[in-house]
Every structure is written in C-alpha cells, then in structure tokens.
C-alpha cells in the first residue's frame, strides 16, 4: 500500500473528500487527518489520527528491540565463551538475564518514543504549527485511480508527498474490527 499526504486549510473540504473517498470504495480506516486542532477535527467527524499513532512509540520500541537483541546476544555469548553456563547453575540465569535485557530495551525505546512525534510526521511539524491540516490516505494499487479522481475535483488540496503505508492486512483487520463493533 502507498500513503499519499495532502495539506489543507479547510476541514469542511476534508470532510467532503473523506465522504467521496468512502463512496469510491476506500474504507474509513485508510483515511486520516492529523491536526493540532483536535477538537475541530472531531466536530467535523473526520477520522483523526489516534494519540499513539501521533507518537513514535512503535518505531522507537522497535529500535529498542534491536538494541535489546544485541544485549541479549552479548549476555548469552559471554556466558558461553566464559564457560559460566557449564557450571552447576546452567543456562537458566543467563537466558533470564538476556530476556530481561531485551524487555527493558524495548520498554525504554517505547518510553523514548512517547516523547517524540511519529517519525513519519516530523516533516510536517511546521505545517501543523501554522494551523493547517495533514490529510493522508493509504491506498492499495487498485485504489490509486479512485484517489486520483477524487483529488482532481479539489484543487485547494495541496499534494505533500507519498510514503509507505500501514500494511494491507493491518488496515483490513482494523476495518473488520470496526464492522464487528458496529454490529454489537
């Protein structure tokens, strides 16, 4: 899937665009609005970016996981090379220490990420501070034409770039979850 970023000053227009995209077969879960004006976005009933997605929790937690894997491997390598694992104690304390080092690193990475904006949105920081809104759509290749048709009718919408999107299976899972919640 591809992510298309647009910038707009007008939430009414974004609400219209979101409706047109949904009518074209693009699900709500594929459409997001990021703004510093959360209350205004909510009043327009736009699909806003959730608070965890605004932070760099996943990316930083992943980096912490990589550091943790390195630490865990180092603990196990030291235990093996020094012969400590061959003593009466065995491997169990070293495996436990490796798991603790890995878990702590993921946790610390996540905490660090909670203090930073999402790496995918850092380039739009100034735009958001100006009171403008970031509108982005995740589309599968077969949906590109529908997106292009809708955007063509809204010349005030300013193209801000493209990037990688959420995996298709994640979007499909979110869509099914929301459908299930509507039934309950």
Protein backbone atom coordinates (compact mmCIF):
# COMPACT_ATOMS: atom_id res chain seq x y z
CA UNK A 1 0.00 0.00 0.00
CA UNK A 2 1.05 3.58 -0.62
CA UNK A 3 0.39 6.60 1.56
CA UNK A 4 -0.49 9.93 -0.09
CA UNK A 5 -0.09 13.09 2.01
CA UNK A 6 -2.06 16.28 1.37
CA UNK A 7 -2.22 19.62 3.16
CA UNK A 8 -5.39 21.65 3.59
CA UNK A 9 -6.67 24.68 5.47
CA UNK A 10 -10.32 23.67 5.24
CA UNK A 11 -11.81 20.92 7.42
CA UNK A 12 -15.18 21.20 5.64
CA UNK A 13 -13.48 20.31 2.37
CA UNK A 14 -11.65 17.41 4.02
CA UNK A 15 -14.96 16.09 5.30
CA UNK A 16 -16.35 16.19 1.76
CA UNK A 17 -13.24 14.49 0.38
CA UNK A 18 -13.47 11.75 3.01
CA UNK A 19 -17.10 11.10 2.05
CA UNK A 20 -16.21 10.97 -1.65
CA UNK A 21 -13.34 8.56 -0.99
CA UNK A 22 -15.62 6.29 1.02
CA UNK A 23 -18.16 6.35 -1.81
CA UNK A 24 -15.32 5.35 -4.16
CA UNK A 25 -14.55 2.23 -2.13
CA UNK A 26 -11.79 3.49 0.15
CA UNK A 27 -12.50 2.50 3.76
CA UNK A 28 -12.52 4.93 6.67
CA UNK A 29 -9.57 3.08 8.21
CA UNK A 30 -7.44 4.15 5.23
CA UNK A 31 -8.17 7.85 5.69
CA UNK A 32 -6.65 10.04 8.42
CA UNK A 33 -6.45 13.69 9.39
CA UNK A 34 -3.60 14.96 11.54
CA UNK A 35 -4.03 18.40 13.03
CA UNK A 36 -3.08 20.38 16.09
CA UNK A 37 -6.77 21.33 16.28
CA UNK A 38 -8.15 18.03 17.58
CA UNK A 39 -11.47 19.47 18.76
CA UNK A 40 -12.22 20.95 15.33
CA UNK A 41 -11.36 17.65 13.62
CA UNK A 42 -13.68 15.81 15.98
CA UNK A 43 -16.53 18.29 15.32
CA UNK A 44 -16.25 17.57 11.61
CA UNK A 45 -16.41 13.83 12.31
CA UNK A 46 -13.22 13.17 10.40
CA UNK A 47 -11.15 10.05 11.03
CA UNK A 48 -8.37 11.57 13.09
CA UNK A 49 -5.01 10.09 13.99
CA UNK A 50 -5.13 8.34 17.36
CA UNK A 51 -2.79 9.55 20.08
CA UNK A 52 -0.48 6.52 19.92
CA UNK A 53 -0.03 6.98 16.18
CA UNK A 54 1.00 10.60 16.78
CA UNK A 55 3.90 9.43 18.93
CA UNK A 56 6.93 7.43 17.81
CA UNK A 57 6.14 4.52 20.13
CA UNK A 58 6.28 1.69 17.60
CA UNK A 59 9.35 2.90 15.71
CA UNK A 60 11.36 3.69 18.85
CA UNK A 61 10.20 0.48 20.55
CA UNK A 62 11.45 -1.44 17.50
CA UNK A 63 14.81 0.29 17.72
CA UNK A 64 14.91 -0.57 21.42
CA UNK A 65 14.17 -4.16 20.45
CA UNK A 66 17.17 -4.22 18.13
CA UNK A 67 19.37 -2.89 20.93
CA UNK A 68 17.83 -5.49 23.24
CA UNK A 69 18.60 -8.30 20.79
CA UNK A 70 22.19 -7.15 20.74
CA UNK A 71 22.36 -7.05 24.53
CA UNK A 72 20.71 -10.46 24.85
CA UNK A 73 23.14 -11.97 22.34
CA UNK A 74 26.03 -10.39 24.21
CA UNK A 75 24.87 -11.85 27.56
CA UNK A 76 24.50 -15.32 26.03
CA UNK A 77 27.82 -15.07 24.21
CA UNK A 78 29.65 -14.02 27.37
CA UNK A 79 28.05 -16.88 29.31
CA UNK A 80 29.07 -19.36 26.62
CA UNK A 81 32.61 -18.06 25.99
CA UNK A 82 33.46 -17.74 29.67
CA UNK A 83 32.14 -21.22 30.46
CA UNK A 84 29.74 -19.93 33.13
CA UNK A 85 26.84 -21.80 31.56
CA UNK A 86 28.70 -25.10 32.02
CA UNK A 87 28.70 -24.72 35.81
CA UNK A 88 26.05 -26.13 38.14
CA UNK A 89 23.95 -23.01 37.58
CA UNK A 90 23.45 -23.84 33.89
CA UNK A 91 21.89 -21.64 31.22
CA UNK A 92 18.74 -20.57 33.07
CA UNK A 93 20.03 -17.37 34.78
CA UNK A 94 21.73 -16.19 31.58
CA UNK A 95 18.65 -16.80 29.46
CA UNK A 96 16.60 -14.94 32.05
CA UNK A 97 19.09 -12.05 32.09
CA UNK A 98 19.01 -11.94 28.26
CA UNK A 99 15.19 -11.77 28.31
CA UNK A 100 15.26 -9.00 30.92
CA UNK A 101 17.81 -7.03 28.88
CA UNK A 102 15.66 -7.42 25.76
CA UNK A 103 12.42 -6.46 27.53
CA UNK A 104 14.00 -3.48 29.26
CA UNK A 105 15.40 -2.20 25.96
CA UNK A 106 12.00 -2.44 24.23
CA UNK A 107 10.36 -0.70 27.18
CA UNK A 108 12.93 2.10 27.23
CA UNK A 109 12.67 2.53 23.46
CA UNK A 110 8.89 2.83 23.78
CA UNK A 111 9.19 5.39 26.57
CA UNK A 112 11.60 7.39 24.46
CA UNK A 113 9.16 7.18 21.55
CA UNK A 114 6.31 8.56 23.67
CA UNK A 115 8.28 11.79 23.96
CA UNK A 116 8.80 12.23 20.22
CA UNK A 117 6.43 12.82 17.31
CA UNK A 118 5.98 9.95 14.88
CA UNK A 119 8.94 9.74 12.51
CA UNK A 120 6.53 9.74 9.54
CA UNK A 121 5.06 13.11 10.55
CA UNK A 122 8.21 15.00 11.57
CA UNK A 123 8.47 16.72 8.20
CA UNK A 124 5.01 18.23 8.67
CA UNK A 125 5.65 19.79 12.08
CA UNK A 126 5.80 23.37 10.74
CA UNK A 127 2.67 22.90 8.62
CA UNK A 128 0.71 21.75 11.67
CA UNK A 129 2.03 24.64 13.78
CA UNK A 130 0.68 27.04 11.13
CA UNK A 131 -2.82 25.72 11.83
CA UNK A 132 -3.05 23.68 8.66
CA UNK A 133 -4.12 20.04 8.49
CA UNK A 134 -2.38 16.95 7.15
CA UNK A 135 -4.72 14.62 5.28
CA UNK A 136 -3.33 11.24 4.30
CA UNK A 137 -4.76 8.20 2.60
CA UNK A 138 -3.38 4.66 2.48
CA UNK A 139 -4.36 3.02 -0.80
CA UNK A 140 -3.75 -0.28 -2.50
CA UNK A 141 -2.53 -0.08 -6.11
CA UNK A 142 -6.03 -0.88 -7.39
CA UNK A 143 -7.40 2.16 -5.48
CA UNK A 144 -4.92 4.71 -6.87
CA UNK A 145 -7.26 5.72 -9.71
CA UNK A 146 -10.18 6.34 -7.33
CA UNK A 147 -8.00 8.55 -5.14
CA UNK A 148 -6.74 10.49 -8.16
CA UNK A 149 -10.32 11.06 -9.41
CA UNK A 150 -11.47 12.45 -6.06
CA UNK A 151 -8.41 14.64 -5.52
CA UNK A 152 -8.75 16.07 -9.04
CA UNK A 153 -12.04 17.71 -8.01
CA UNK A 154 -10.40 19.51 -5.08
CA UNK A 155 -7.69 21.85 -6.38
CA UNK A 156 -7.24 23.51 -2.96
CA UNK A 157 -5.84 20.22 -1.66
CA UNK A 158 -2.06 20.51 -1.79
CA UNK A 159 -0.03 17.35 -2.51
CA UNK A 160 2.66 16.98 0.17
CA UNK A 161 4.26 13.70 -0.87
CA UNK A 162 3.96 9.94 -0.70
CA UNK A 163 5.38 7.27 1.53
CA UNK A 164 4.95 3.78 2.82
CA UNK A 165 1.61 2.95 4.38
CA UNK A 166 0.30 0.61 7.01
CA UNK A 167 0.37 -2.98 5.76
CA UNK A 168 -2.80 -4.06 3.96
CA UNK A 169 -3.52 -6.80 6.48
CA UNK A 170 -3.45 -4.24 9.33
CA UNK A 171 -5.94 -1.98 7.52
CA UNK A 172 -8.17 -4.97 6.72
CA UNK A 173 -8.06 -6.09 10.36
CA UNK A 174 -8.99 -2.59 11.55
CA UNK A 175 -11.87 -2.48 9.06
CA UNK A 176 -13.24 -5.85 10.21
CA UNK A 177 -12.87 -4.81 13.85
CA UNK A 178 -14.87 -1.62 13.26
CA UNK A 179 -17.54 -3.57 11.37
CA UNK A 180 -17.81 -6.01 14.27
CA UNK A 181 -18.08 -3.17 16.81
CA UNK A 182 -20.94 -1.61 14.79
CA UNK A 183 -22.87 -4.88 14.98
CA UNK A 184 -22.54 -5.11 18.76
